[in-house]
C-alpha cells in the first residue's frame, strides 16, 4: 500500500506470506534510513497494523519488534522463528 498524499513513492507498507506461515511486514517513510521490517504469524495483528497505518492512527508500530531494513537483516530475519500470535525479532 502506498501513500498518495506524499511527495514521492517511498512511503509504503507491504506484507509477504512465507511458506512457513510467517508474515513479513515492511514499511518505509521516505529514504532508506526510514525503512523497517518485522514478522509475525498473527494475521489479525498484521491487518490491524495495515488499517491503523492507512488511517494514520497512532500505535500501529508498538505490537512489533522493528528492525532497520537491509539486505543482511532481511537474510537474518528470514532465519528467525516466529511464535504463534507473537511477533519475531
PDB file of N, CA and C in Angstrom:
ATOM      1  N   UNK A   1       0.843  -1.148   0.000  1.00  0.00           N
ATOM      2  CA  UNK A   1       0.000   0.000   0.000  1.00  0.00           C
ATOM      3  C   UNK A   1       0.902   1.228   0.000  1.00  0.00           C
ATOM      4  N   UNK A   2       0.618   2.185  -0.893  1.00  0.00           N
ATOM      5  CA  UNK A   2       1.422   3.404  -0.955  1.00  0.00           C
ATOM      6  C   UNK A   2       0.624   4.600  -0.465  1.00  0.00           C
ATOM      7  N   UNK A   3       1.332   5.548   0.087  1.00  0.00           N
ATOM      8  CA  UNK A   3       0.712   6.827   0.449  1.00  0.00           C
ATOM      9  C   UNK A   3       0.684   7.694  -0.798  1.00  0.00           C
ATOM     10  N   UNK A   4      -0.471   8.205  -1.146  1.00  0.00           N
ATOM     11  CA  UNK A   4      -0.603   9.056  -2.324  1.00  0.00           C
ATOM     12  C   UNK A   4      -0.543  10.529  -1.973  1.00  0.00           C
ATOM     13  N   UNK A   5      -0.540  10.836  -0.682  1.00  0.00           N
ATOM     14  CA  UNK A   5      -0.556  12.233  -0.249  1.00  0.00           C
ATOM     15  C   UNK A   5       0.826  12.733   0.172  1.00  0.00           C
ATOM     16  N   UNK A   6       1.880  12.082  -0.315  1.00  0.00           N
ATOM     17  CA  UNK A   6       3.252  12.497  -0.012  1.00  0.00           C
ATOM     18  C   UNK A   6       3.995  12.804  -1.305  1.00  0.00           C
ATOM     19  N   UNK A   7       5.160  13.429  -1.170  1.00  0.00           N
ATOM     20  CA  UNK A   7       5.873  13.945  -2.333  1.00  0.00           C
ATOM     21  C   UNK A   7       6.537  12.886  -3.206  1.00  0.00           C
ATOM     22  N   UNK A   8       6.763  11.665  -2.693  1.00  0.00           N
ATOM     23  CA  UNK A   8       7.376  10.626  -3.523  1.00  0.00           C
ATOM     24  C   UNK A   8       6.746   9.273  -3.224  1.00  0.00           C
ATOM     25  N   UNK A   9       7.158   8.267  -3.991  1.00  0.00           N
ATOM     26  CA  UNK A   9       6.566   6.935  -3.836  1.00  0.00           C
ATOM     27  C   UNK A   9       7.319   6.058  -2.834  1.00  0.00           C
ATOM     28  N   UNK A  10       8.101   6.659  -1.965  1.00  0.00           N
ATOM     29  CA  UNK A  10       8.869   5.902  -0.979  1.00  0.00           C
ATOM     30  C   UNK A  10       8.201   5.891   0.394  1.00  0.00           C
ATOM     31  N   UNK A  11       6.896   5.997   0.416  1.00  0.00           N
ATOM     32  CA  UNK A  11       6.094   5.915   1.643  1.00  0.00           C
ATOM     33  C   UNK A  11       5.092   4.785   1.429  1.00  0.00           C
ATOM     34  N   UNK A  12       5.382   3.629   2.017  1.00  0.00           N
ATOM     35  CA  UNK A  12       4.520   2.479   1.766  1.00  0.00           C
ATOM     36  C   UNK A  12       4.596   1.472   2.906  1.00  0.00           C
ATOM     37  N   UNK A  13       3.649   0.529   2.875  1.00  0.00           N
ATOM     38  CA  UNK A  13       3.652  -0.626   3.756  1.00  0.00           C
ATOM     39  C   UNK A  13       3.315  -1.826   2.886  1.00  0.00           C
ATOM     40  N   UNK A  14       3.997  -2.933   3.126  1.00  0.00           N
ATOM     41  CA  UNK A  14       3.712  -4.144   2.369  1.00  0.00           C
ATOM     42  C   UNK A  14       3.953  -5.364   3.237  1.00  0.00           C
ATOM     43  N   UNK A  15       3.322  -6.464   2.851  1.00  0.00           N
ATOM     44  CA  UNK A  15       3.458  -7.714   3.600  1.00  0.00           C
ATOM     45  C   UNK A  15       3.675  -8.864   2.630  1.00  0.00           C
ATOM     46  N   UNK A  16       4.262  -9.910   3.164  1.00  0.00           N
ATOM     47  CA  UNK A  16       4.563 -11.099   2.382  1.00  0.00           C
ATOM     48  C   UNK A  16       4.322 -12.316   3.266  1.00  0.00           C
ATOM     49  N   UNK A  17       3.595 -13.306   2.747  1.00  0.00           N
ATOM     50  CA  UNK A  17       3.357 -14.547   3.478  1.00  0.00           C
ATOM     51  C   UNK A  17       4.378 -15.583   3.033  1.00  0.00           C
ATOM     52  N   UNK A  18       5.189 -16.028   3.974  1.00  0.00           N
ATOM     53  CA  UNK A  18       6.206 -17.038   3.674  1.00  0.00           C
ATOM     54  C   UNK A  18       5.604 -18.432   3.747  1.00  0.00           C
ATOM     55  N   UNK A  19       6.314 -19.401   3.189  1.00  0.00           N
ATOM     56  CA  UNK A  19       5.855 -20.788   3.175  1.00  0.00           C
ATOM     57  C   UNK A  19       5.667 -21.367   4.574  1.00  0.00           C
ATOM     58  N   UNK A  20       6.397 -20.855   5.565  1.00  0.00           N
ATOM     59  CA  UNK A  20       6.286 -21.383   6.928  1.00  0.00           C
ATOM     60  C   UNK A  20       5.140 -20.751   7.724  1.00  0.00           C
ATOM     61  N   UNK A  21       4.338 -19.891   7.072  1.00  0.00           N
ATOM     62  CA  UNK A  21       3.205 -19.260   7.741  1.00  0.00           C
ATOM     63  C   UNK A  21       3.532 -17.942   8.410  1.00  0.00           C
ATOM     64  N   UNK A  22       4.765 -17.501   8.316  1.00  0.00           N
ATOM     65  CA  UNK A  22       5.186 -16.225   8.889  1.00  0.00           C
ATOM     66  C   UNK A  22       4.878 -15.102   7.912  1.00  0.00           C
ATOM     67  N   UNK A  23       4.324 -14.022   8.424  1.00  0.00           N
ATOM     68  CA  UNK A  23       4.102 -12.826   7.612  1.00  0.00           C
ATOM     69  C   UNK A  23       5.252 -11.860   7.851  1.00  0.00           C
ATOM     70  N   UNK A  24       5.858 -11.378   6.790  1.00  0.00           N
ATOM     71  CA  UNK A  24       6.817 -10.283   6.880  1.00  0.00           C
ATOM     72  C   UNK A  24       6.059  -9.001   6.687  1.00  0.00           C
ATOM     73  N   UNK A  25       6.327  -8.022   7.484  1.00  0.00           N
ATOM     74  CA  UNK A  25       5.714  -6.704   7.359  1.00  0.00           C
ATOM     75  C   UNK A  25       6.835  -5.687   7.235  1.00  0.00           C
ATOM     76  N   UNK A  26       6.679  -4.789   6.287  1.00  0.00           N
ATOM     77  CA  UNK A  26       7.717  -3.804   5.995  1.00  0.00           C
ATOM     78  C   UNK A  26       7.054  -2.454   5.770  1.00  0.00           C
ATOM     79  N   UNK A  27       7.675  -1.404   6.266  1.00  0.00           N
ATOM     80  CA  UNK A  27       7.192  -0.060   5.947  1.00  0.00           C
ATOM     81  C   UNK A  27       8.371   0.855   5.687  1.00  0.00           C
ATOM     82  N   UNK A  28       8.092   1.876   4.903  1.00  0.00           N
ATOM     83  CA  UNK A  28       9.114   2.871   4.570  1.00  0.00           C
ATOM     84  C   UNK A  28       8.464   4.237   4.588  1.00  0.00           C
ATOM     85  N   UNK A  29       9.158   5.195   5.181  1.00  0.00           N
ATOM     86  CA  UNK A  29       8.649   6.564   5.281  1.00  0.00           C
ATOM     87  C   UNK A  29       9.656   7.535   4.679  1.00  0.00           C
ATOM     88  N   UNK A  30       9.937   7.363   3.403  1.00  0.00           N
ATOM     89  CA  UNK A  30      10.869   8.254   2.722  1.00  0.00           C
ATOM     90  C   UNK A  30      12.138   7.542   2.328  1.00  0.00           C
ATOM     91  N   UNK A  31      13.272   8.015   2.819  1.00  0.00           N
ATOM     92  CA  UNK A  31      14.554   7.468   2.380  1.00  0.00           C
ATOM     93  C   UNK A  31      14.879   6.142   3.073  1.00  0.00           C
ATOM     94  N   UNK A  32      16.015   5.571   2.697  1.00  0.00           N
ATOM     95  CA  UNK A  32      16.411   4.252   3.190  1.00  0.00           C
ATOM     96  C   UNK A  32      16.595   4.201   4.706  1.00  0.00           C
ATOM     97  N   UNK A  33      16.886   5.326   5.344  1.00  0.00           N
ATOM     98  CA  UNK A  33      17.036   5.350   6.802  1.00  0.00           C
ATOM     99  C   UNK A  33      15.712   5.165   7.532  1.00  0.00           C
ATOM    100  N   UNK A  34      14.618   5.276   6.825  1.00  0.00           N
ATOM    101  CA  UNK A  34      13.289   5.120   7.426  1.00  0.00           C
ATOM    102  C   UNK A  34      12.570   3.911   6.828  1.00  0.00           C
ATOM    103  N   UNK A  35      13.312   2.811   6.669  1.00  0.00           N
ATOM    104  CA  UNK A  35      12.790   1.578   6.079  1.00  0.00           C
ATOM    105  C   UNK A  35      12.957   0.465   7.107  1.00  0.00           C
ATOM    106  N   UNK A  36      11.840  -0.138   7.565  1.00  0.00           N
ATOM    107  CA  UNK A  36      11.862  -1.093   8.669  1.00  0.00           C
ATOM    108  C   UNK A  36      11.092  -2.356   8.331  1.00  0.00           C
ATOM    109  N   UNK A  37      11.394  -3.428   9.069  1.00  0.00           N
ATOM    110  CA  UNK A  37      10.720  -4.705   8.861  1.00  0.00           C
ATOM    111  C   UNK A  37      10.515  -5.425  10.182  1.00  0.00           C
ATOM    112  N   UNK A  38       9.547  -6.342  10.155  1.00  0.00           N
ATOM    113  CA  UNK A  38       9.270  -7.208  11.293  1.00  0.00           C
ATOM    114  C   UNK A  38       8.563  -8.442  10.760  1.00  0.00           C
ATOM    115  N   UNK A  39       8.191  -9.363  11.627  1.00  0.00           N
ATOM    116  CA  UNK A  39       7.411 -10.520  11.197  1.00  0.00           C
ATOM    117  C   UNK A  39       6.523 -11.005  12.335  1.00  0.00           C
ATOM    118  N   UNK A  40       5.497 -11.758  11.948  1.00  0.00           N
ATOM    119  CA  UNK A  40       4.552 -12.305  12.913  1.00  0.00           C
ATOM    120  C   UNK A  40       3.763 -13.419  12.242  1.00  0.00           C
ATOM    121  N   UNK A  41       3.211 -14.315  13.027  1.00  0.00           N
ATOM    122  CA  UNK A  41       2.282 -15.321  12.497  1.00  0.00           C
ATOM    123  C   UNK A  41       0.836 -14.927  12.775  1.00  0.00           C
ATOM    124  N   UNK A  42       0.629 -13.773  13.358  1.00  0.00           N
ATOM    125  CA  UNK A  42      -0.699 -13.322  13.759  1.00  0.00           C
ATOM    126  C   UNK A  42      -1.304 -12.447  12.659  1.00  0.00           C
ATOM    127  N   UNK A  43      -2.162 -13.044  11.827  1.00  0.00           N
ATOM    128  CA  UNK A  43      -2.764 -12.316  10.712  1.00  0.00           C
ATOM    129  C   UNK A  43      -3.612 -11.149  11.196  1.00  0.00           C
ATOM    130  N   UNK A  44      -4.334 -11.316  12.275  1.00  0.00           N
ATOM    131  CA  UNK A  44      -5.161 -10.238  12.812  1.00  0.00           C
ATOM    132  C   UNK A  44      -4.334  -9.021  13.187  1.00  0.00           C
ATOM    133  N   UNK A  45      -3.191  -9.261  13.790  1.00  0.00           N
ATOM    134  CA  UNK A  45      -2.293  -8.176  14.174  1.00  0.00           C
ATOM    135  C   UNK A  45      -1.740  -7.469  12.940  1.00  0.00           C
ATOM    136  N   UNK A  46      -1.430  -8.241  11.905  1.00  0.00           N
ATOM    137  CA  UNK A  46      -0.935  -7.650  10.652  1.00  0.00           C
ATOM    138  C   UNK A  46      -2.012  -6.770  10.015  1.00  0.00           C
ATOM    139  N   UNK A  47      -3.234  -7.261   9.956  1.00  0.00           N
ATOM    140  CA  UNK A  47      -4.342  -6.479   9.384  1.00  0.00           C
ATOM    141  C   UNK A  47      -4.591  -5.212  10.189  1.00  0.00           C
ATOM    142  N   UNK A  48      -4.506  -5.327  11.496  1.00  0.00           N
ATOM    143  CA  UNK A  48      -4.685  -4.158  12.361  1.00  0.00           C
ATOM    144  C   UNK A  48      -3.613  -3.113  12.072  1.00  0.00           C
ATOM    145  N   UNK A  49      -2.366  -3.543  11.920  1.00  0.00           N
ATOM    146  CA  UNK A  49      -1.278  -2.604  11.623  1.00  0.00           C
ATOM    147  C   UNK A  49      -1.517  -1.911  10.287  1.00  0.00           C
ATOM    148  N   UNK A  50      -1.923  -2.662   9.263  1.00  0.00           N
ATOM    149  CA  UNK A  50      -2.212  -2.068   7.956  1.00  0.00           C
ATOM    150  C   UNK A  50      -3.318  -1.023   8.061  1.00  0.00           C
ATOM    151  N   UNK A  51      -4.390  -1.371   8.747  1.00  0.00           N
ATOM    152  CA  UNK A  51      -5.527  -0.455   8.874  1.00  0.00           C
ATOM    153  C   UNK A  51      -5.138   0.807   9.627  1.00  0.00           C
ATOM    154  N   UNK A  52      -4.432   0.639  10.729  1.00  0.00           N
ATOM    155  CA  UNK A  52      -4.018   1.801  11.514  1.00  0.00           C
ATOM    156  C   UNK A  52      -3.045   2.675  10.728  1.00  0.00           C
ATOM    157  N   UNK A  53      -2.128   2.056   9.983  1.00  0.00           N
ATOM    158  CA  UNK A  53      -1.188   2.818   9.147  1.00  0.00           C
ATOM    159  C   UNK A  53      -1.952   3.597   8.082  1.00  0.00           C
ATOM    160  N   UNK A  54      -2.903   2.930   7.433  1.00  0.00           N
ATOM    161  CA  UNK A  54      -3.688   3.555   6.372  1.00  0.00           C
ATOM    162  C   UNK A  54      -4.406   4.806   6.858  1.00  0.00           C
ATOM    163  N   UNK A  55      -4.996   4.722   8.039  1.00  0.00           N
ATOM    164  CA  UNK A  55      -5.757   5.850   8.583  1.00  0.00           C
ATOM    165  C   UNK A  55      -4.919   6.759   9.488  1.00  0.00           C
ATOM    166  N   UNK A  56      -3.623   6.518   9.500  1.00  0.00           N
ATOM    167  CA  UNK A  56      -2.683   7.332  10.288  1.00  0.00           C
ATOM    168  C   UNK A  56      -3.041   7.360  11.780  1.00  0.00           C
ATOM    169  N   UNK A  57      -3.473   6.224  12.287  1.00  0.00           N
ATOM    170  CA  UNK A  57      -3.802   6.113  13.708  1.00  0.00           C
ATOM    171  C   UNK A  57      -2.533   5.811  14.504  1.00  0.00           C
ATOM    172  N   UNK A  58      -2.395   6.376  15.674  1.00  0.00           N
ATOM    173  CA  UNK A  58      -1.194   6.127  16.478  1.00  0.00           C
ATOM    174  C   UNK A  58      -1.183   4.699  17.029  1.00  0.00           C
ATOM    175  N   UNK A  59       0.008   4.205  17.299  1.00  0.00           N
ATOM    176  CA  UNK A  59       0.149   2.935  17.994  1.00  0.00           C
ATOM    177  C   UNK A  59       0.336   1.707  17.127  1.00  0.00           C
ATOM    178  N   UNK A  60       0.326   1.840  15.813  1.00  0.00           N
ATOM    179  CA  UNK A  60       0.419   0.645  14.967  1.00  0.00           C
ATOM    180  C   UNK A  60       1.794  -0.015  15.028  1.00  0.00           C
ATOM    181  N   UNK A  61       2.828   0.697  15.414  1.00  0.00           N
ATOM    182  CA  UNK A  61       4.182   0.117  15.484  1.00  0.00           C
ATOM    183  C   UNK A  61       4.414  -0.684  16.775  1.00  0.00           C
ATOM    184  N   UNK A  62       3.714  -0.332  17.839  1.00  0.00           N
ATOM    185  CA  UNK A  62       4.020  -0.856  19.169  1.00  0.00           C
ATOM    186  C   UNK A  62       3.966  -2.378  19.317  1.00  0.00           C
ATOM    187  N   UNK A  63       3.049  -3.093  18.671  1.00  0.00           N
ATOM    188  CA  UNK A  63       2.997  -4.544  18.906  1.00  0.00           C
ATOM    189  C   UNK A  63       4.183  -5.326  18.339  1.00  0.00           C
ATOM    190  N   UNK A  64       5.053  -4.667  17.575  1.00  0.00           N
ATOM    191  CA  UNK A  64       6.116  -5.363  16.859  1.00  0.00           C
ATOM    192  C   UNK A  64       7.509  -4.946  17.322  1.00  0.00           C
ATOM    193  N   UNK A  65       8.453  -5.806  17.057  1.00  0.00           N
ATOM    194  CA  UNK A  65       9.869  -5.532  17.275  1.00  0.00           C
ATOM    195  C   UNK A  65      10.459  -5.201  15.898  1.00  0.00           C
ATOM    196  N   UNK A  66      10.594  -3.924  15.591  1.00  0.00           N
ATOM    197  CA  UNK A  66      11.021  -3.459  14.269  1.00  0.00           C
ATOM    198  C   UNK A  66      12.537  -3.454  14.156  1.00  0.00           C
ATOM    199  N   UNK A  67      13.016  -3.752  12.947  1.00  0.00           N
ATOM    200  CA  UNK A  67      14.437  -3.722  12.625  1.00  0.00           C
ATOM    201  C   UNK A  67      14.627  -2.905  11.360  1.00  0.00           C
ATOM    202  N   UNK A  68      15.704  -2.125  11.338  1.00  0.00           N
ATOM    203  CA  UNK A  68      16.005  -1.362  10.125  1.00  0.00           C
ATOM    204  C   UNK A  68      16.237  -2.351   8.986  1.00  0.00           C
ATOM    205  N   UNK A  69      15.635  -2.086   7.843  1.00  0.00           N
ATOM    206  CA  UNK A  69      15.745  -2.977   6.699  1.00  0.00           C
ATOM    207  C   UNK A  69      17.109  -2.851   6.044  1.00  0.00           C
ATOM    208  N   UNK A  70      17.683  -3.995   5.703  1.00  0.00           N
ATOM    209  CA  UNK A  70      18.901  -4.057   4.896  1.00  0.00           C
ATOM    210  C   UNK A  70      18.940  -5.445   4.282  1.00  0.00           C
ATOM    211  N   UNK A  71      19.767  -5.635   3.279  1.00  0.00           N
ATOM    212  CA  UNK A  71      19.889  -6.965   2.685  1.00  0.00           C
ATOM    213  C   UNK A  71      20.314  -7.984   3.732  1.00  0.00           C
ATOM    214  N   UNK A  72      21.253  -7.609   4.596  1.00  0.00           N
ATOM    215  CA  UNK A  72      21.740  -8.521   5.629  1.00  0.00           C
ATOM    216  C   UNK A  72      20.661  -8.827   6.662  1.00  0.00           C
ATOM    217  N   UNK A  73      19.938  -7.805   7.100  1.00  0.00           N
ATOM    218  CA  UNK A  73      18.907  -8.044   8.113  1.00  0.00           C
ATOM    219  C   UNK A  73      17.758  -8.852   7.532  1.00  0.00           C
ATOM    220  N   UNK A  74      17.483  -8.689   6.240  1.00  0.00           N
ATOM    221  CA  UNK A  74      16.432  -9.483   5.606  1.00  0.00           C
ATOM    222  C   UNK A  74      16.818 -10.958   5.624  1.00  0.00           C
ATOM    223  N   UNK A  75      18.081 -11.271   5.386  1.00  0.00           N
ATOM    224  CA  UNK A  75      18.536 -12.658   5.440  1.00  0.00           C
ATOM    225  C   UNK A  75      18.475 -13.201   6.859  1.00  0.00           C
ATOM    226  N   UNK A  76      18.937 -12.426   7.838  1.00  0.00           N
ATOM    227  CA  UNK A  76      18.875 -12.852   9.234  1.00  0.00           C
ATOM    228  C   UNK A  76      17.434 -13.047   9.668  1.00  0.00           C
ATOM    229  N   UNK A  77      16.584 -12.112   9.273  1.00  0.00           N
ATOM    230  CA  UNK A  77      15.181 -12.155   9.658  1.00  0.00           C
ATOM    231  C   UNK A  77      14.495 -13.382   9.072  1.00  0.00           C
ATOM    232  N   UNK A  78      14.904 -13.793   7.883  1.00  0.00           N
ATOM    233  CA  UNK A  78      14.276 -14.943   7.240  1.00  0.00           C
ATOM    234  C   UNK A  78      14.584 -16.230   7.992  1.00  0.00           C
ATOM    235  N   UNK A  79      15.660 -16.247   8.775  1.00  0.00           N
ATOM    236  CA  UNK A  79      16.030 -17.430   9.533  1.00  0.00           C
ATOM    237  C   UNK A  79      15.416 -17.471  10.924  1.00  0.00           C
ATOM    238  N   UNK A  80      14.796 -16.370  11.381  1.00  0.00           N
ATOM    239  CA  UNK A  80      14.258 -16.341  12.741  1.00  0.00           C
ATOM    240  C   UNK A  80      12.947 -17.104  12.819  1.00  0.00           C
ATOM    241  N   UNK A  81      12.689 -17.702  13.956  1.00  0.00           N
ATOM    242  CA  UNK A  81      11.465 -18.458  14.189  1.00  0.00           C
ATOM    243  C   UNK A  81      10.385 -17.541  14.735  1.00  0.00           C
ATOM    244  N   UNK A  82       9.194 -17.637  14.181  1.00  0.00           N
ATOM    245  CA  UNK A  82       8.056 -16.875  14.696  1.00  0.00           C
ATOM    246  C   UNK A  82       7.244 -17.775  15.614  1.00  0.00           C
ATOM    247  N   UNK A  83       6.694 -17.206  16.656  1.00  0.00           N
ATOM    248  CA  UNK A  83       5.819 -17.932  17.570  1.00  0.00           C
ATOM    249  C   UNK A  83       4.383 -17.612  17.215  1.00  0.00           C
ATOM    250  N   UNK A  84       3.486 -18.574  17.369  1.00  0.00           N
ATOM    251  CA  UNK A  84       2.076 -18.314  17.073  1.00  0.00           C
ATOM    252  C   UNK A  84       1.588 -17.117  17.851  1.00  0.00           C
ATOM    253  N   UNK A  85       1.069 -16.132  17.114  1.00  0.00           N
ATOM    254  CA  UNK A  85       0.486 -14.959  17.734  1.00  0.00           C
ATOM    255  C   UNK A  85       1.479 -13.958  18.259  1.00  0.00           C
ATOM    256  N   UNK A  86       2.750 -14.202  18.104  1.00  0.00           N
ATOM    257  CA  UNK A  86       3.757 -13.292  18.640  1.00  0.00           C
ATOM    258  C   UNK A  86       4.648 -12.783  17.525  1.00  0.00           C
ATOM    259  N   UNK A  87       5.017 -11.516  17.577  1.00  0.00           N
ATOM    260  CA  UNK A  87       5.995 -11.006  16.617  1.00  0.00           C
ATOM    261  C   UNK A  87       7.341 -11.667  16.845  1.00  0.00           C
ATOM    262  N   UNK A  88       8.163 -11.697  15.792  1.00  0.00           N
ATOM    263  CA  UNK A  88       9.520 -12.201  15.948  1.00  0.00           C
ATOM    264  C   UNK A  88      10.485 -11.052  15.860  1.00  0.00           C
ATOM    265  N   UNK A  89      11.707 -11.279  16.215  1.00  0.00           N
ATOM    266  CA  UNK A  89      12.679 -10.208  16.107  1.00  0.00           C
ATOM    267  C   UNK A  89      14.016 -10.575  16.645  1.00  0.00           C
TER     268      UNK A  89
END
